[in-house]
Amino acid sequence: MQGMVLRKGVLAGLLASAALPAQADVFCVGSEASAQAAIDTARTNGQADYIKLEAGVYSLTTGLQYSTGGSSDHEILILSGGFDAGCNDRTGTTILDGQDTVRPLSLQLFDSDLVFVDHLTLIRGYATGSPYGGNMEVDLFDQSGASEARLDYMRFVLGKADANSGGLYVTGWGKFQLRNSLIAYNEAPSSPAGSVNLHGEAWLVSNTIAKNLDNDATEGFAYYMNGQDNGSHFWLSNNVLWGNENTGLDLYMLETGTTYDLIDNDIGAMTDTELGPASGGNISVDPLFGSCGFLCFDLPLTRASPLVDAGTDTPPGDLTFYDLFGQDRIIGPHTDIGAYELETIFADGFEDNGIF
């Protein structure tokens, strides 16, 4: 599948938001071994790090792991995919393939760590032994709440877990952000799409969470959220949670005193948890997903979708610059709900936009 070149401004915006110092170490990697070596260096070199992964399929044997445990280095890390040979431009897709054997990526943050991950496709991950988060696990261990993980332009596809969260599992203390990403076709006996168990704050903006399978005998829920305490606050804006299989609920929100503000989401079914004061504009309608072609897992909208121009342009956590295909995040009067912005030049919404 052909990639889309990164438009100017995306990287600049990311680096500005990360406040990446000029003396940061920059790595260009093209294999599992070189990527892990760069990650290991980033743990201890005492400065900010920017690791660029060349486009291609990485058939993983152990999975990539970043942990700040036992390290005094808590500088910014950016882990970013889709680059050409030499890592000068973003031209394609970086696919981390767990081969139904290993988890592609895990983060373990123990202090005032700030990690950005973007433009990666995590596929066929499998969580066994540590049975949570088939494609990715994020552990925020600093109980002061100083750790933060931000994920943009991600795909979590075809992951499996022995317990829950075939797609993405997040737990701990701190801040978490997921924007403009796809969680689809994952499976587990519980919450197959993912879980957020967090003392702190979380922002989910413009994601598509669909077609995940609860493979237990009884109906469960696709995506699980637990704020852990009264001080926690979760914002969900412009997300699609729909069409998950063998799940009575697409979204489960545990009532723990956490504030859940839901704004302009399309949710098939969810708990009747009391929503926060900023909530509003949520709907429950068929998104009318389109197709992106053979061997493509993306779920763009068709022209007839009621989600076109139905999102909020100023969500808590902010919009990304572009959608998951690399198109402008707002085309038309308002942004669309979900990870994909319908390109107005195509009337049927079934165009092959490539991979961003």
Protein backbone atom coordinates (compact mmCIF):
# COMPACT_ATOMS: atom_id res chain seq x y z
CA MET A 1 0.00 0.00 0.00
CA GLN A 2 1.49 3.27 -1.09
CA GLY A 3 2.20 5.92 1.53
CA MET A 4 1.53 9.63 1.58
CA VAL A 5 4.31 12.19 2.00
CA LEU A 6 4.12 14.12 5.26
CA ARG A 7 3.06 17.68 4.60
CA LYS A 8 5.14 20.51 5.97
CA GLY A 9 4.03 21.70 9.36
CA VAL A 10 3.16 18.32 10.89
CA LEU A 11 6.65 17.55 12.13
CA ALA A 12 7.26 21.17 13.08
CA GLY A 13 4.07 21.17 15.11
CA LEU A 14 4.96 17.93 16.83
CA LEU A 15 8.44 19.13 17.73
CA ALA A 16 7.10 22.45 18.95
CA SER A 17 4.54 20.77 21.17
CA ALA A 18 7.26 18.50 22.52
CA ALA A 19 9.65 21.42 23.02
CA LEU A 20 12.43 19.18 21.70
CA PRO A 21 15.81 20.79 22.50
CA ALA A 22 18.23 21.57 19.68
CA GLN A 23 20.81 19.15 21.11
CA ALA A 24 18.52 16.16 20.86
CA ASP A 25 19.94 12.88 19.58
CA VAL A 26 18.34 11.84 16.29
CA PHE A 27 18.37 8.20 15.18
CA CYS A 28 17.40 6.66 11.84
CA VAL A 29 16.61 2.96 12.16
CA GLY A 30 15.40 0.25 9.82
CA SER A 31 15.24 -2.98 11.78
CA GLU A 32 14.03 -4.34 15.11
CA ALA A 33 17.60 -4.61 16.38
CA SER A 34 18.60 -1.07 15.44
CA ALA A 35 15.33 0.34 16.78
CA GLN A 36 15.79 -1.38 20.13
CA ALA A 37 19.42 -0.25 20.28
CA ALA A 38 18.32 3.36 19.76
CA ILE A 39 15.63 2.97 22.43
CA ASP A 40 18.21 1.56 24.84
CA THR A 41 20.51 4.52 24.18
CA ALA A 42 17.63 6.92 24.73
CA ARG A 43 17.18 5.49 28.23
CA THR A 44 20.60 6.64 29.42
CA ASN A 45 22.12 9.36 27.21
CA GLY A 46 20.79 12.22 29.35
CA GLN A 47 19.13 14.20 26.56
CA ALA A 48 16.04 14.31 24.42
CA ASP A 49 15.80 11.70 21.68
CA TYR A 50 14.06 11.49 18.32
CA ILE A 51 13.95 7.98 16.86
CA LYS A 52 12.79 7.77 13.23
CA LEU A 53 11.75 4.38 11.86
CA GLU A 54 12.05 3.76 8.16
CA ALA A 55 8.92 2.57 6.37
CA GLY A 56 8.47 -1.16 5.90
CA VAL A 57 7.38 -4.29 7.69
CA TYR A 58 9.34 -5.17 10.83
CA SER A 59 8.81 -8.85 11.61
CA LEU A 60 9.39 -8.79 15.35
CA THR A 61 10.88 -11.55 17.46
CA THR A 62 10.93 -9.81 20.87
CA GLY A 63 9.02 -6.54 20.39
CA LEU A 64 10.23 -3.03 21.13
CA GLN A 65 10.40 -2.03 24.79
CA TYR A 66 11.14 1.34 26.38
CA SER A 67 11.49 1.57 30.16
CA THR A 68 12.86 4.34 32.35
CA GLY A 69 13.03 2.08 35.39
CA GLY A 70 16.43 2.32 37.06
CA SER A 71 17.44 5.25 34.84
CA SER A 72 18.14 8.85 35.82
CA ASP A 73 17.36 9.96 32.25
CA HIS A 74 13.82 11.29 31.98
CA GLU A 75 14.13 13.49 28.90
CA ILE A 76 11.62 13.64 26.06
CA LEU A 77 11.41 10.71 23.64
CA ILE A 78 9.77 10.82 20.21
CA LEU A 79 9.28 7.51 18.40
CA SER A 80 8.03 8.16 14.89
CA GLY A 81 7.47 5.97 11.81
CA GLY A 82 6.99 6.10 8.05
CA PHE A 83 10.31 7.55 6.84
CA ASP A 84 12.22 6.90 3.64
CA ALA A 85 15.74 5.43 3.58
CA GLY A 86 17.90 7.93 5.43
CA CYS A 87 14.86 9.33 7.26
CA ASN A 88 14.64 12.60 5.38
CA ASP A 89 10.94 12.51 4.50
CA ARG A 90 7.89 10.58 5.60
CA THR A 91 6.88 8.59 2.55
CA GLY A 92 5.24 5.35 3.68
CA THR A 93 4.15 3.14 6.54
CA THR A 94 6.06 1.51 9.37
CA ILE A 95 4.39 -1.77 10.34
CA LEU A 96 5.50 -3.48 13.55
CA ASP A 97 4.32 -7.07 13.11
CA GLY A 98 4.16 -9.18 16.26
CA GLN A 99 3.60 -12.29 14.11
CA ASP A 100 0.95 -13.53 16.58
CA THR A 101 3.79 -14.18 19.02
CA VAL A 102 4.99 -10.98 20.73
CA ARG A 103 3.68 -7.55 21.70
CA PRO A 104 5.04 -5.01 19.17
CA LEU A 105 5.55 -2.11 21.58
CA SER A 106 5.53 -1.42 25.31
CA LEU A 107 6.26 1.72 27.33
CA GLN A 108 7.09 1.71 31.04
CA LEU A 109 7.47 5.20 32.50
CA PHE A 110 8.69 5.58 36.07
CA ASP A 111 9.21 9.33 36.56
CA SER A 112 8.54 12.69 34.90
CA ASP A 113 8.75 11.10 31.46
CA LEU A 114 7.14 12.50 28.31
CA VAL A 115 6.90 10.12 25.36
CA PHE A 116 5.41 10.80 21.93
CA VAL A 117 4.64 7.92 19.57
CA ASP A 118 3.23 8.53 16.10
CA HIS A 119 2.73 7.06 12.63
CA LEU A 120 3.11 3.40 13.54
CA THR A 121 0.93 0.46 12.56
CA LEU A 122 0.99 -2.25 15.23
CA ILE A 123 -0.32 -5.52 13.91
CA ARG A 124 -0.72 -9.16 14.97
CA GLY A 125 0.56 -8.56 18.49
CA TYR A 126 -0.05 -11.18 21.13
CA ALA A 127 0.01 -10.69 24.89
CA THR A 128 0.49 -13.89 26.83
CA GLY A 129 2.09 -14.35 30.23
CA SER A 130 1.63 -10.59 30.73
CA PRO A 131 -1.84 -10.96 29.26
CA TYR A 132 -2.84 -7.34 28.62
CA GLY A 133 -2.34 -5.19 25.56
CA GLY A 134 -1.78 -7.42 22.57
CA ASN A 135 -0.45 -4.68 20.28
CA MET A 136 0.72 -2.15 22.89
CA GLU A 137 0.95 -1.68 26.64
CA VAL A 138 1.57 1.64 28.40
CA ASP A 139 2.47 1.53 32.10
CA LEU A 140 2.75 4.83 33.99
CA PHE A 141 4.34 3.85 37.30
CA ASP A 142 5.10 7.27 38.82
CA GLN A 143 2.48 7.68 41.53
CA SER A 144 3.05 11.45 41.61
CA GLY A 145 1.35 11.52 38.19
CA ALA A 146 4.27 13.15 36.35
CA SER A 147 4.44 10.62 33.48
CA GLU A 148 2.74 11.31 30.17
CA ALA A 149 2.27 9.30 26.95
CA ARG A 150 0.87 10.81 23.75
CA LEU A 151 -0.05 8.71 20.73
CA ASP A 152 -1.05 10.17 17.35
CA TYR A 153 -1.73 8.63 13.91
CA MET A 154 -1.57 5.04 15.16
CA ARG A 155 -3.15 1.79 13.99
CA PHE A 156 -3.76 -1.12 16.36
CA VAL A 157 -4.94 -4.03 14.24
CA LEU A 158 -5.37 -7.81 14.65
CA GLY A 159 -3.94 -7.92 18.17
CA LYS A 160 -4.76 -10.67 20.65
CA ALA A 161 -4.54 -10.90 24.43
CA ASP A 162 -5.15 -13.78 26.82
CA ALA A 163 -6.94 -11.54 29.34
CA ASN A 164 -8.02 -8.20 27.83
CA SER A 165 -7.14 -5.37 25.47
CA GLY A 166 -6.03 -7.01 22.26
CA GLY A 167 -5.40 -3.51 20.91
CA LEU A 168 -4.06 -1.04 23.51
CA TYR A 169 -3.77 -1.28 27.30
CA VAL A 170 -3.01 1.76 29.47
CA THR A 171 -2.63 1.76 33.25
CA GLY A 172 -1.09 3.75 36.10
CA TRP A 173 -0.80 7.37 37.20
CA GLY A 174 -0.39 10.39 34.93
CA LYS A 175 -1.64 11.65 31.59
CA PHE A 176 -2.53 9.81 28.41
CA GLN A 177 -3.58 11.05 24.97
CA LEU A 178 -4.74 9.11 21.91
CA ARG A 179 -5.65 11.04 18.78
CA ASN A 180 -6.49 10.28 15.19
CA SER A 181 -5.96 6.56 15.51
CA LEU A 182 -7.61 3.28 14.52
CA ILE A 183 -8.29 0.35 16.87
CA ALA A 184 -9.86 -2.44 14.82
CA TYR A 185 -10.04 -6.20 14.35
CA ASN A 186 -8.44 -6.97 17.72
CA GLU A 187 -9.72 -9.72 20.01
CA ALA A 188 -9.62 -10.79 23.66
CA PRO A 189 -11.96 -12.36 26.24
CA SER A 190 -12.66 -8.88 27.63
CA SER A 191 -12.40 -5.29 26.31
CA PRO A 192 -10.81 -6.47 23.04
CA ALA A 193 -10.21 -2.94 21.72
CA GLY A 194 -8.50 -1.59 24.82
CA SER A 195 -8.56 -0.32 28.37
CA VAL A 196 -7.59 2.86 30.19
CA ASN A 197 -7.11 2.34 33.94
CA LEU A 198 -5.68 5.64 35.07
CA HIS A 199 -5.28 7.88 38.08
CA GLY A 200 -5.10 11.15 36.17
CA GLU A 201 -6.26 12.65 32.90
CA ALA A 202 -6.92 11.14 29.49
CA TRP A 203 -7.88 12.64 26.14
CA LEU A 204 -9.26 10.53 23.28
CA VAL A 205 -9.83 12.64 20.18
CA SER A 206 -10.94 11.62 16.67
CA ASN A 207 -10.37 7.88 16.93
CA THR A 208 -12.18 5.02 15.20
CA ILE A 209 -12.71 1.98 17.45
CA ALA A 210 -14.65 -0.67 15.57
CA LYS A 211 -14.88 -4.32 14.55
CA ASN A 212 -13.09 -5.67 17.61
CA LEU A 213 -14.16 -9.10 18.86
CA ASP A 214 -14.90 -10.27 22.39
CA ASN A 215 -14.02 -13.94 21.99
CA ASP A 216 -15.49 -15.00 25.33
CA ALA A 217 -18.72 -16.97 25.39
CA THR A 218 -20.68 -14.09 26.90
CA GLU A 219 -21.20 -10.58 25.63
CA GLY A 220 -18.92 -8.00 27.23
CA PHE A 221 -17.70 -4.56 26.18
CA ALA A 222 -15.24 -3.34 23.56
CA TYR A 223 -13.48 -0.44 25.30
CA TYR A 224 -13.08 -0.10 29.07
CA MET A 225 -12.39 3.11 30.98
CA ASN A 226 -11.70 3.36 34.70
CA GLY A 227 -10.62 6.67 36.19
CA GLN A 228 -9.56 4.98 39.43
CA ASP A 229 -10.37 7.94 41.71
CA ASN A 230 -12.39 11.15 42.19
CA GLY A 231 -9.63 13.36 40.82
CA SER A 232 -9.45 11.62 37.45
CA HIS A 233 -10.91 13.28 34.36
CA PHE A 234 -11.38 11.67 30.92
CA TRP A 235 -12.40 13.58 27.79
CA LEU A 236 -13.69 11.75 24.70
CA SER A 237 -14.37 13.87 21.62
CA ASN A 238 -15.13 13.04 17.96
CA ASN A 239 -14.66 9.29 18.44
CA VAL A 240 -16.48 6.40 16.75
CA LEU A 241 -17.12 3.33 18.90
CA TRP A 242 -19.31 1.11 16.78
CA GLY A 243 -19.79 -2.33 15.29
CA ASN A 244 -17.71 -4.29 17.78
CA GLU A 245 -18.61 -7.99 17.84
CA ASN A 246 -20.01 -10.04 20.73
CA THR A 247 -19.94 -6.92 22.87
CA GLY A 248 -23.09 -5.74 24.56
CA LEU A 249 -21.43 -2.35 25.03
CA ASP A 250 -18.99 -0.48 22.80
CA LEU A 251 -17.92 1.70 25.76
CA TYR A 252 -17.85 0.84 29.45
CA MET A 253 -17.16 3.63 31.96
CA LEU A 254 -16.69 2.53 35.54
CA GLU A 255 -18.32 4.85 38.07
CA THR A 256 -15.57 5.74 40.54
CA GLY A 257 -16.16 9.46 40.93
CA THR A 258 -14.20 10.11 37.76
CA THR A 259 -15.49 12.86 35.47
CA TYR A 260 -16.25 11.56 31.97
CA ASP A 261 -16.87 14.36 29.49
CA LEU A 262 -18.12 13.03 26.15
CA ILE A 263 -18.44 15.49 23.26
CA ASP A 264 -19.71 14.73 19.74
CA ASN A 265 -18.97 11.01 19.73
CA ASP A 266 -20.80 8.26 17.83
CA ILE A 267 -21.23 5.35 20.24
CA GLY A 268 -23.25 2.23 19.53
CA ALA A 269 -24.00 1.36 23.17
CA MET A 270 -22.45 2.44 26.45
CA THR A 271 -22.98 2.36 30.20
CA ASP A 272 -25.45 4.81 31.72
CA THR A 273 -22.65 6.42 33.74
CA GLU A 274 -23.41 10.02 34.68
CA LEU A 275 -21.54 12.27 32.25
CA GLY A 276 -19.59 15.41 33.05
CA PRO A 277 -20.92 18.95 32.56
CA ALA A 278 -19.05 19.54 29.29
CA SER A 279 -20.76 16.57 27.62
CA GLY A 280 -23.08 16.97 24.66
CA GLY A 281 -23.70 16.29 21.00
CA ASN A 282 -23.24 12.52 21.24
CA ILE A 283 -25.12 10.29 18.81
CA SER A 284 -25.68 6.59 18.16
CA VAL A 285 -26.03 6.00 14.42
CA ASP A 286 -24.48 3.69 11.85
CA PRO A 287 -21.26 5.43 10.71
CA LEU A 288 -21.62 3.98 7.20
CA PHE A 289 -17.99 2.94 6.87
CA GLY A 290 -16.51 2.69 3.41
CA SER A 291 -13.56 0.68 2.14
CA CYS A 292 -9.97 1.55 1.40
CA GLY A 293 -9.27 -1.38 -0.89
CA PHE A 294 -7.81 -4.88 -0.80
CA LEU A 295 -5.66 -5.69 2.25
CA CYS A 296 -6.44 -2.34 3.83
CA PHE A 297 -7.82 -2.23 7.36
CA ASP A 298 -8.83 1.43 7.42
CA LEU A 299 -12.47 2.42 7.93
CA PRO A 300 -13.09 5.70 6.09
CA LEU A 301 -16.54 7.23 5.87
CA THR A 302 -18.81 7.19 2.85
CA ARG A 303 -20.35 10.35 1.46
CA ALA A 304 -23.70 9.39 3.01
CA SER A 305 -22.25 9.05 6.53
CA PRO A 306 -24.00 11.14 9.20
CA LEU A 307 -20.57 11.68 10.80
CA VAL A 308 -19.36 13.99 8.04
CA ASP A 309 -18.95 17.55 9.42
CA ALA A 310 -20.50 16.41 12.72
CA GLY A 311 -17.52 16.79 15.07
CA THR A 312 -16.31 19.60 17.28
CA ASP A 313 -13.44 21.68 15.90
CA THR A 314 -12.16 22.62 19.36
CA PRO A 315 -12.10 19.42 21.42
CA PRO A 316 -10.28 19.14 24.75
CA GLY A 317 -6.90 17.74 23.76
CA ASP A 318 -7.08 19.54 20.38
CA LEU A 319 -7.34 18.23 16.84
CA THR A 320 -4.31 16.90 15.01
CA PHE A 321 -3.16 18.70 11.88
CA TYR A 322 -4.29 15.91 9.58
CA ASP A 323 -6.44 12.80 9.56
CA LEU A 324 -5.13 9.23 9.43
CA PHE A 325 -4.77 9.41 5.64
CA GLY A 326 -2.79 12.67 5.77
CA GLN A 327 -5.63 14.89 4.58
CA ASP A 328 -6.53 18.15 6.26
CA ARG A 329 -8.30 17.44 9.54
CA ILE A 330 -11.08 19.86 8.65
CA ILE A 331 -12.52 19.65 5.12
CA GLY A 332 -15.83 21.41 4.84
CA PRO A 333 -17.73 23.29 7.57
CA HIS A 334 -16.47 21.12 10.45
CA THR A 335 -14.28 18.13 11.18
CA ASP A 336 -15.71 14.65 10.71
CA ILE A 337 -16.19 12.22 13.60
CA GLY A 338 -13.59 9.45 13.66
CA ALA A 339 -10.02 9.08 12.43
CA TYR A 340 -10.80 9.88 8.77
CA GLU A 341 -11.81 13.10 7.05
CA LEU A 342 -13.86 12.59 3.91
CA GLU A 343 -12.17 14.20 0.93
CA THR A 344 -14.81 16.27 -0.87
CA ILE A 345 -13.31 15.63 -4.30
CA PHE A 346 -14.47 12.01 -4.10
CA ALA A 347 -18.22 11.63 -4.22
CA ASP A 348 -18.58 8.04 -3.01
CA GLY A 349 -16.03 7.96 -0.21
CA PHE A 350 -14.47 4.72 -1.46
CA GLU A 351 -11.23 6.19 -2.80
CA ASP A 352 -7.90 4.59 -1.95
CA ASN A 353 -6.12 7.35 -0.08
CA GLY A 354 -3.04 5.29 0.71
CA ILE A 355 -1.48 5.12 4.14
CA PHE A 356 -0.31 8.04 6.25
